[in-house]
Amino acid sequence: MRSLVGLDREAAKNEFAEFLSGKAMSSSQIEFLNMIIDHLAEHGLLNPAQLYESPFTDVTPQGPEGLFGSEQVDRLIQILASVRQSATAA
């Protein structure tokens, strides 16, 4: 159902609040995260493999590794898994 209606934009932003908290981000990093939030708001879910496809690779051809360290990439994937898990539990 969520894939049909998407995820509330504020809820999507809240999922990334801790990730963003207290960190200085480059404009490319912010653009990448906003694209994730937009996708979640429109589609409700995002498979981590999609981070390595267009439009995400339009920002950085290497996917999230081109912008974030390995710990941050792991955290992004954890957040997406959490969104998926809460969607299937609802």
PDB file of N, CA and C in Angstrom:
ATOM      1  N   MET A   1       0.816  -1.191   0.000  1.00  0.00           N
ATOM      2  CA  MET A   1       0.000   0.000   0.000  1.00  0.00           C
ATOM      3  C   MET A   1       0.861   1.257   0.000  1.00  0.00           C
ATOM      4  N   ARG A   2       1.914   1.272   0.840  1.00  0.00           N
ATOM      5  CA  ARG A   2       2.738   2.468   0.908  1.00  0.00           C
ATOM      6  C   ARG A   2       3.376   2.790  -0.428  1.00  0.00           C
ATOM      7  N   SER A   3       3.705   1.751  -1.198  1.00  0.00           N
ATOM      8  CA  SER A   3       4.330   2.005  -2.499  1.00  0.00           C
ATOM      9  C   SER A   3       3.364   2.729  -3.427  1.00  0.00           C
ATOM     10  N   LEU A   4       2.076   2.638  -3.155  1.00  0.00           N
ATOM     11  CA  LEU A   4       1.083   3.340  -3.970  1.00  0.00           C
ATOM     12  C   LEU A   4       0.893   4.775  -3.526  1.00  0.00           C
ATOM     13  N   VAL A   5       0.985   5.031  -2.231  1.00  0.00           N
ATOM     14  CA  VAL A   5       0.695   6.372  -1.715  1.00  0.00           C
ATOM     15  C   VAL A   5       1.932   7.125  -1.279  1.00  0.00           C
ATOM     16  N   GLY A   6       3.049   6.472  -1.140  1.00  0.00           N
ATOM     17  CA  GLY A   6       4.268   7.131  -0.713  1.00  0.00           C
ATOM     18  C   GLY A   6       4.315   7.286   0.794  1.00  0.00           C
ATOM     19  N   LEU A   7       5.335   7.944   1.246  1.00  0.00           N
ATOM     20  CA  LEU A   7       5.575   8.189   2.655  1.00  0.00           C
ATOM     21  C   LEU A   7       5.445   9.685   2.880  1.00  0.00           C
ATOM     22  N   ASP A   8       4.795  10.068   3.965  1.00  0.00           N
ATOM     23  CA  ASP A   8       4.681  11.485   4.282  1.00  0.00           C
ATOM     24  C   ASP A   8       6.073  12.121   4.249  1.00  0.00           C
ATOM     25  N   ARG A   9       6.184  13.261   3.571  1.00  0.00           N
ATOM     26  CA  ARG A   9       7.491  13.909   3.405  1.00  0.00           C
ATOM     27  C   ARG A   9       8.143  14.216   4.752  1.00  0.00           C
ATOM     28  N   GLU A  10       7.375  14.694   5.709  1.00  0.00           N
ATOM     29  CA  GLU A  10       7.939  14.996   7.030  1.00  0.00           C
ATOM     30  C   GLU A  10       8.429  13.723   7.717  1.00  0.00           C
ATOM     31  N   ALA A  11       7.689  12.642   7.561  1.00  0.00           N
ATOM     32  CA  ALA A  11       8.118  11.363   8.134  1.00  0.00           C
ATOM     33  C   ALA A  11       9.425  10.915   7.490  1.00  0.00           C
ATOM     34  N   ALA A  12       9.530  11.096   6.182  1.00  0.00           N
ATOM     35  CA  ALA A  12      10.766  10.742   5.482  1.00  0.00           C
ATOM     36  C   ALA A  12      11.928  11.594   5.978  1.00  0.00           C
ATOM     37  N   LYS A  13      11.695  12.881   6.153  1.00  0.00           N
ATOM     38  CA  LYS A  13      12.746  13.769   6.658  1.00  0.00           C
ATOM     39  C   LYS A  13      13.154  13.377   8.071  1.00  0.00           C
ATOM     40  N   ASN A  14      12.171  12.993   8.883  1.00  0.00           N
ATOM     41  CA  ASN A  14      12.470  12.592  10.254  1.00  0.00           C
ATOM     42  C   ASN A  14      13.345  11.352  10.304  1.00  0.00           C
ATOM     43  N   GLU A  15      13.178  10.477   9.334  1.00  0.00           N
ATOM     44  CA  GLU A  15      14.012   9.264   9.283  1.00  0.00           C
ATOM     45  C   GLU A  15      15.500   9.623   9.155  1.00  0.00           C
ATOM     46  N   PHE A  16      15.791  10.752   8.556  1.00  0.00           N
ATOM     47  CA  PHE A  16      17.177  11.149   8.315  1.00  0.00           C
ATOM     48  C   PHE A  16      17.669  12.224   9.280  1.00  0.00           C
ATOM     49  N   ALA A  17      16.836  12.616  10.242  1.00  0.00           N
ATOM     50  CA  ALA A  17      17.202  13.689  11.173  1.00  0.00           C
ATOM     51  C   ALA A  17      18.483  13.363  11.936  1.00  0.00           C
ATOM     52  N   GLU A  18      18.572  12.162  12.478  1.00  0.00           N
ATOM     53  CA  GLU A  18      19.770  11.776  13.228  1.00  0.00           C
ATOM     54  C   GLU A  18      20.995  11.730  12.310  1.00  0.00           C
ATOM     55  N   PHE A  19      20.813  11.227  11.107  1.00  0.00           N
ATOM     56  CA  PHE A  19      21.907  11.134  10.137  1.00  0.00           C
ATOM     57  C   PHE A  19      22.489  12.522   9.856  1.00  0.00           C
ATOM     58  N   LEU A  20      21.616  13.523   9.783  1.00  0.00           N
ATOM     59  CA  LEU A  20      22.033  14.874   9.461  1.00  0.00           C
ATOM     60  C   LEU A  20      22.504  15.677  10.673  1.00  0.00           C
ATOM     61  N   SER A  21      22.100  15.256  11.845  1.00  0.00           N
ATOM     62  CA  SER A  21      22.327  16.017  13.064  1.00  0.00           C
ATOM     63  C   SER A  21      23.805  16.305  13.315  1.00  0.00           C
ATOM     64  N   GLY A  22      24.110  17.582  13.433  1.00  0.00           N
ATOM     65  CA  GLY A  22      25.448  18.013  13.797  1.00  0.00           C
ATOM     66  C   GLY A  22      26.522  17.795  12.752  1.00  0.00           C
ATOM     67  N   LYS A  23      26.132  17.509  11.527  1.00  0.00           N
ATOM     68  CA  LYS A  23      27.126  17.270  10.477  1.00  0.00           C
ATOM     69  C   LYS A  23      27.054  18.374   9.431  1.00  0.00           C
ATOM     70  N   ALA A  24      28.194  18.818   9.010  1.00  0.00           N
ATOM     71  CA  ALA A  24      28.255  19.742   7.880  1.00  0.00           C
ATOM     72  C   ALA A  24      28.217  18.902   6.608  1.00  0.00           C
ATOM     73  N   MET A  25      27.269  19.211   5.751  1.00  0.00           N
ATOM     74  CA  MET A  25      27.108  18.447   4.506  1.00  0.00           C
ATOM     75  C   MET A  25      27.411  19.341   3.312  1.00  0.00           C
ATOM     76  N   SER A  26      27.993  18.734   2.281  1.00  0.00           N
ATOM     77  CA  SER A  26      28.226  19.464   1.038  1.00  0.00           C
ATOM     78  C   SER A  26      26.905  19.583   0.291  1.00  0.00           C
ATOM     79  N   SER A  27      26.874  20.451  -0.696  1.00  0.00           N
ATOM     80  CA  SER A  27      25.650  20.614  -1.481  1.00  0.00           C
ATOM     81  C   SER A  27      25.301  19.310  -2.215  1.00  0.00           C
ATOM     82  N   SER A  28      26.289  18.568  -2.663  1.00  0.00           N
ATOM     83  CA  SER A  28      26.030  17.291  -3.344  1.00  0.00           C
ATOM     84  C   SER A  28      25.447  16.260  -2.379  1.00  0.00           C
ATOM     85  N   GLN A  29      25.961  16.236  -1.150  1.00  0.00           N
ATOM     86  CA  GLN A  29      25.424  15.314  -0.153  1.00  0.00           C
ATOM     87  C   GLN A  29      23.967  15.660   0.165  1.00  0.00           C
ATOM     88  N   ILE A  30      23.684  16.943   0.324  1.00  0.00           N
ATOM     89  CA  ILE A  30      22.321  17.391   0.606  1.00  0.00           C
ATOM     90  C   ILE A  30      21.403  17.054  -0.564  1.00  0.00           C
ATOM     91  N   GLU A  31      21.871  17.283  -1.780  1.00  0.00           N
ATOM     92  CA  GLU A  31      21.075  16.951  -2.961  1.00  0.00           C
ATOM     93  C   GLU A  31      20.757  15.456  -2.998  1.00  0.00           C
ATOM     94  N   PHE A  32      21.759  14.620  -2.716  1.00  0.00           N
ATOM     95  CA  PHE A  32      21.584  13.173  -2.722  1.00  0.00           C
ATOM     96  C   PHE A  32      20.542  12.759  -1.681  1.00  0.00           C
ATOM     97  N   LEU A  33      20.660  13.293  -0.468  1.00  0.00           N
ATOM     98  CA  LEU A  33      19.701  12.962   0.592  1.00  0.00           C
ATOM     99  C   LEU A  33      18.304  13.464   0.252  1.00  0.00           C
ATOM    100  N   ASN A  34      18.209  14.642  -0.334  1.00  0.00           N
ATOM    101  CA  ASN A  34      16.904  15.158  -0.742  1.00  0.00           C
ATOM    102  C   ASN A  34      16.274  14.274  -1.813  1.00  0.00           C
ATOM    103  N   MET A  35      17.092  13.727  -2.682  1.00  0.00           N
ATOM    104  CA  MET A  35      16.570  12.805  -3.698  1.00  0.00           C
ATOM    105  C   MET A  35      16.019  11.538  -3.040  1.00  0.00           C
ATOM    106  N   ILE A  36      16.704  11.048  -2.011  1.00  0.00           N
ATOM    107  CA  ILE A  36      16.209   9.880  -1.274  1.00  0.00           C
ATOM    108  C   ILE A  36      14.868  10.218  -0.624  1.00  0.00           C
ATOM    109  N   ILE A  37      14.802  11.364   0.035  1.00  0.00           N
ATOM    110  CA  ILE A  37      13.570  11.788   0.704  1.00  0.00           C
ATOM    111  C   ILE A  37      12.448  11.967  -0.307  1.00  0.00           C
ATOM    112  N   ASP A  38      12.751  12.582  -1.446  1.00  0.00           N
ATOM    113  CA  ASP A  38      11.738  12.751  -2.491  1.00  0.00           C
ATOM    114  C   ASP A  38      11.221  11.398  -2.974  1.00  0.00           C
ATOM    115  N   HIS A  39      12.142  10.467  -3.177  1.00  0.00           N
ATOM    116  CA  HIS A  39      11.746   9.128  -3.648  1.00  0.00           C
ATOM    117  C   HIS A  39      10.847   8.447  -2.612  1.00  0.00           C
ATOM    118  N   LEU A  40      11.230   8.538  -1.342  1.00  0.00           N
ATOM    119  CA  LEU A  40      10.415   7.936  -0.290  1.00  0.00           C
ATOM    120  C   LEU A  40       9.041   8.589  -0.214  1.00  0.00           C
ATOM    121  N   ALA A  41       9.003   9.914  -0.375  1.00  0.00           N
ATOM    122  CA  ALA A  41       7.722  10.619  -0.325  1.00  0.00           C
ATOM    123  C   ALA A  41       6.827  10.221  -1.490  1.00  0.00           C
ATOM    124  N   GLU A  42       7.423   9.944  -2.632  1.00  0.00           N
ATOM    125  CA  GLU A  42       6.641   9.587  -3.814  1.00  0.00           C
ATOM    126  C   GLU A  42       6.282   8.103  -3.853  1.00  0.00           C
ATOM    127  N   HIS A  43       7.246   7.245  -3.483  1.00  0.00           N
ATOM    128  CA  HIS A  43       7.062   5.806  -3.665  1.00  0.00           C
ATOM    129  C   HIS A  43       6.910   5.026  -2.361  1.00  0.00           C
ATOM    130  N   GLY A  44       7.310   5.602  -1.250  1.00  0.00           N
ATOM    131  CA  GLY A  44       7.172   4.932   0.041  1.00  0.00           C
ATOM    132  C   GLY A  44       8.354   4.077   0.433  1.00  0.00           C
ATOM    133  N   LEU A  45       9.026   3.471  -0.515  1.00  0.00           N
ATOM    134  CA  LEU A  45      10.167   2.599  -0.245  1.00  0.00           C
ATOM    135  C   LEU A  45      11.279   2.874  -1.245  1.00  0.00           C
ATOM    136  N   LEU A  46      12.474   2.500  -0.862  1.00  0.00           N
ATOM    137  CA  LEU A  46      13.620   2.633  -1.758  1.00  0.00           C
ATOM    138  C   LEU A  46      14.549   1.462  -1.490  1.00  0.00           C
ATOM    139  N   ASN A  47      14.749   0.650  -2.503  1.00  0.00           N
ATOM    140  CA  ASN A  47      15.686  -0.451  -2.405  1.00  0.00           C
ATOM    141  C   ASN A  47      17.097   0.132  -2.448  1.00  0.00           C
ATOM    142  N   PRO A  48      17.979  -0.236  -1.508  1.00  0.00           N
ATOM    143  CA  PRO A  48      19.336   0.315  -1.512  1.00  0.00           C
ATOM    144  C   PRO A  48      20.058   0.176  -2.849  1.00  0.00           C
ATOM    145  N   ALA A  49      19.764  -0.854  -3.619  1.00  0.00           N
ATOM    146  CA  ALA A  49      20.403  -1.031  -4.921  1.00  0.00           C
ATOM    147  C   ALA A  49      20.090   0.134  -5.855  1.00  0.00           C
ATOM    148  N   GLN A  50      18.954   0.775  -5.649  1.00  0.00           N
ATOM    149  CA  GLN A  50      18.575   1.910  -6.495  1.00  0.00           C
ATOM    150  C   GLN A  50      19.493   3.117  -6.297  1.00  0.00           C
ATOM    151  N   LEU A  51      20.214   3.157  -5.188  1.00  0.00           N
ATOM    152  CA  LEU A  51      21.153   4.258  -4.945  1.00  0.00           C
ATOM    153  C   LEU A  51      22.307   4.234  -5.935  1.00  0.00           C
ATOM    154  N   TYR A  52      22.453   3.114  -6.643  1.00  0.00           N
ATOM    155  CA  TYR A  52      23.535   2.940  -7.617  1.00  0.00           C
ATOM    156  C   TYR A  52      23.023   3.040  -9.047  1.00  0.00           C
ATOM    157  N   GLU A  53      21.826   3.614  -9.186  1.00  0.00           N
ATOM    158  CA  GLU A  53      21.189   3.804 -10.486  1.00  0.00           C
ATOM    159  C   GLU A  53      20.800   5.270 -10.649  1.00  0.00           C
ATOM    160  N   SER A  54      20.460   5.642 -11.874  1.00  0.00           N
ATOM    161  CA  SER A  54      19.953   6.977 -12.121  1.00  0.00           C
ATOM    162  C   SER A  54      18.603   7.116 -11.421  1.00  0.00           C
ATOM    163  N   PRO A  55      18.284   8.214 -10.840  1.00  0.00           N
ATOM    164  CA  PRO A  55      18.913   9.522 -10.905  1.00  0.00           C
ATOM    165  C   PRO A  55      20.016   9.746  -9.877  1.00  0.00           C
ATOM    166  N   PHE A  56      20.206   8.800  -8.945  1.00  0.00           N
ATOM    167  CA  PHE A  56      21.206   8.988  -7.898  1.00  0.00           C
ATOM    168  C   PHE A  56      22.615   9.061  -8.465  1.00  0.00           C
ATOM    169  N   THR A  57      22.900   8.261  -9.486  1.00  0.00           N
ATOM    170  CA  THR A  57      24.235   8.287 -10.082  1.00  0.00           C
ATOM    171  C   THR A  57      24.453   9.527 -10.945  1.00  0.00           C
ATOM    172  N   ASP A  58      23.399  10.311 -11.158  1.00  0.00           N
ATOM    173  CA  ASP A  58      23.576  11.585 -11.842  1.00  0.00           C
ATOM    174  C   ASP A  58      24.297  12.579 -10.933  1.00  0.00           C
ATOM    175  N   VAL A  59      24.159  12.389  -9.612  1.00  0.00           N
ATOM    176  CA  VAL A  59      24.844  13.237  -8.637  1.00  0.00           C
ATOM    177  C   VAL A  59      26.271  12.759  -8.448  1.00  0.00           C
ATOM    178  N   THR A  60      26.444  11.450  -8.362  1.00  0.00           N
ATOM    179  CA  THR A  60      27.765  10.853  -8.205  1.00  0.00           C
ATOM    180  C   THR A  60      27.755   9.457  -8.834  1.00  0.00           C
ATOM    181  N   PRO A  61      28.573   9.218  -9.845  1.00  0.00           N
ATOM    182  CA  PRO A  61      28.561   7.926 -10.542  1.00  0.00           C
ATOM    183  C   PRO A  61      28.843   6.727  -9.638  1.00  0.00           C
ATOM    184  N   GLN A  62      29.494   6.944  -8.500  1.00  0.00           N
ATOM    185  CA  GLN A  62      29.831   5.845  -7.597  1.00  0.00           C
ATOM    186  C   GLN A  62      28.704   5.510  -6.625  1.00  0.00           C
ATOM    187  N   GLY A  63      27.575   6.173  -6.737  1.00  0.00           N
ATOM    188  CA  GLY A  63      26.514   5.963  -5.761  1.00  0.00           C
ATOM    189  C   GLY A  63      26.878   6.655  -4.466  1.00  0.00           C
ATOM    190  N   PRO A  64      26.307   6.227  -3.354  1.00  0.00           N
ATOM    191  CA  PRO A  64      26.544   6.933  -2.096  1.00  0.00           C
ATOM    192  C   PRO A  64      28.008   6.942  -1.661  1.00  0.00           C
ATOM    193  N   GLU A  65      28.778   5.928  -2.052  1.00  0.00           N
ATOM    194  CA  GLU A  65      30.206   5.906  -1.692  1.00  0.00           C
ATOM    195  C   GLU A  65      30.971   7.082  -2.277  1.00  0.00           C
ATOM    196  N   GLY A  66      30.453   7.690  -3.325  1.00  0.00           N
ATOM    197  CA  GLY A  66      31.099   8.855  -3.911  1.00  0.00           C
ATOM    198  C   GLY A  66      30.945  10.111  -3.067  1.00  0.00           C
ATOM    199  N   LEU A  67      30.040  10.066  -2.089  1.00  0.00           N
ATOM    200  CA  LEU A  67      29.761  11.242  -1.263  1.00  0.00           C
ATOM    201  C   LEU A  67      29.951  11.024   0.226  1.00  0.00           C
ATOM    202  N   PHE A  68      29.810   9.781   0.665  1.00  0.00           N
ATOM    203  CA  PHE A  68      29.806   9.481   2.090  1.00  0.00           C
ATOM    204  C   PHE A  68      30.835   8.411   2.418  1.00  0.00           C
ATOM    205  N   GLY A  69      31.296   8.426   3.659  1.00  0.00           N
ATOM    206  CA  GLY A  69      32.188   7.373   4.135  1.00  0.00           C
ATOM    207  C   GLY A  69      31.426   6.070   4.313  1.00  0.00           C
ATOM    208  N   SER A  70      32.156   4.983   4.503  1.00  0.00           N
ATOM    209  CA  SER A  70      31.515   3.663   4.585  1.00  0.00           C
ATOM    210  C   SER A  70      30.539   3.567   5.751  1.00  0.00           C
ATOM    211  N   GLU A  71      30.850   4.183   6.890  1.00  0.00           N
ATOM    212  CA  GLU A  71      29.924   4.145   8.028  1.00  0.00           C
ATOM    213  C   GLU A  71      28.635   4.888   7.711  1.00  0.00           C
ATOM    214  N   GLN A  72      28.752   6.012   7.008  1.00  0.00           N
ATOM    215  CA  GLN A  72      27.560   6.773   6.631  1.00  0.00           C
ATOM    216  C   GLN A  72      26.719   5.999   5.612  1.00  0.00           C
ATOM    217  N   VAL A  73      27.374   5.327   4.675  1.00  0.00           N
ATOM    218  CA  VAL A  73      26.642   4.523   3.688  1.00  0.00           C
ATOM    219  C   VAL A  73      25.907   3.396   4.404  1.00  0.00           C
ATOM    220  N   ASP A  74      26.587   2.741   5.340  1.00  0.00           N
ATOM    221  CA  ASP A  74      25.934   1.687   6.117  1.00  0.00           C
ATOM    222  C   ASP A  74      24.718   2.236   6.851  1.00  0.00           C
ATOM    223  N   ARG A  75      24.852   3.430   7.408  1.00  0.00           N
ATOM    224  CA  ARG A  75      23.736   4.039   8.142  1.00  0.00           C
ATOM    225  C   ARG A  75      22.586   4.361   7.193  1.00  0.00           C
ATOM    226  N   LEU A  76      22.884   4.867   6.009  1.00  0.00           N
ATOM    227  CA  LEU A  76      21.831   5.138   5.018  1.00  0.00           C
ATOM    228  C   LEU A  76      21.050   3.863   4.704  1.00  0.00           C
ATOM    229  N   ILE A  77      21.775   2.778   4.510  1.00  0.00           N
ATOM    230  CA  ILE A  77      21.133   1.506   4.183  1.00  0.00           C
ATOM    231  C   ILE A  77      20.296   1.011   5.368  1.00  0.00           C
ATOM    232  N   GLN A  78      20.791   1.226   6.591  1.00  0.00           N
ATOM    233  CA  GLN A  78      20.013   0.866   7.778  1.00  0.00           C
ATOM    234  C   GLN A  78      18.720   1.670   7.853  1.00  0.00           C
ATOM    235  N   ILE A  79      18.790   2.947   7.540  1.00  0.00           N
ATOM    236  CA  ILE A  79      17.596   3.794   7.562  1.00  0.00           C
ATOM    237  C   ILE A  79      16.585   3.288   6.540  1.00  0.00           C
ATOM    238  N   LEU A  80      17.041   2.977   5.341  1.00  0.00           N
ATOM    239  CA  LEU A  80      16.131   2.469   4.309  1.00  0.00           C
ATOM    240  C   LEU A  80      15.514   1.135   4.733  1.00  0.00           C
ATOM    241  N   ALA A  81      16.302   0.285   5.400  1.00  0.00           N
ATOM    242  CA  ALA A  81      15.771  -0.990   5.897  1.00  0.00           C
ATOM    243  C   ALA A  81      14.732  -0.746   6.984  1.00  0.00           C
ATOM    244  N   SER A  82      14.974   0.238   7.832  1.00  0.00           N
ATOM    245  CA  SER A  82      14.020   0.575   8.888  1.00  0.00           C
ATOM    246  C   SER A  82      12.706   1.069   8.298  1.00  0.00           C
ATOM    247  N   VAL A  83      12.785   1.898   7.259  1.00  0.00           N
ATOM    248  CA  VAL A  83      11.581   2.384   6.582  1.00  0.00           C
ATOM    249  C   VAL A  83      10.818   1.205   5.992  1.00  0.00           C
ATOM    250  N   ARG A  84      11.531   0.298   5.347  1.00  0.00           N
ATOM    251  CA  ARG A  84      10.904  -0.884   4.761  1.00  0.00           C
ATOM    252  C   ARG A  84      10.247  -1.745   5.836  1.00  0.00           C
ATOM    253  N   GLN A  85      10.953  -1.936   6.936  1.00  0.00           N
ATOM    254  CA  GLN A  85      10.426  -2.776   8.009  1.00  0.00           C
ATOM    255  C   GLN A  85       9.169  -2.164   8.627  1.00  0.00           C
ATOM    256  N   SER A  86       9.172  -0.860   8.836  1.00  0.00           N
ATOM    257  CA  SER A  86       7.987  -0.221   9.409  1.00  0.00           C
ATOM    258  C   SER A  86       6.825  -0.244   8.422  1.00  0.00           C
ATOM    259  N   ALA A  87       7.119  -0.226   7.131  1.00  0.00           N
ATOM    260  CA  ALA A  87       6.062  -0.289   6.118  1.00  0.00           C
ATOM    261  C   ALA A  87       5.409  -1.663   6.095  1.00  0.00           C
ATOM    262  N   THR A  88       6.203  -2.707   6.260  1.00  0.00           N
ATOM    263  CA  THR A  88       5.656  -4.055   6.216  1.00  0.00           C
ATOM    264  C   THR A  88       4.973  -4.432   7.522  1.00  0.00           C
ATOM    265  N   ALA A  89       5.331  -3.742   8.612  1.00  0.00           N
ATOM    266  CA  ALA A  89       4.717  -4.006   9.912  1.00  0.00           C
ATOM    267  C   ALA A  89       3.380  -3.295  10.059  1.00  0.00           C
ATOM    268  N   ALA A  90       3.178  -2.250   9.254  1.00  0.00           N
ATOM    269  CA  ALA A  90       1.951  -1.441   9.379  1.00  0.00           C
ATOM    270  C   ALA A  90       0.769  -2.116   8.733  1.00  0.00           C
TER     271      ALA A  90
END
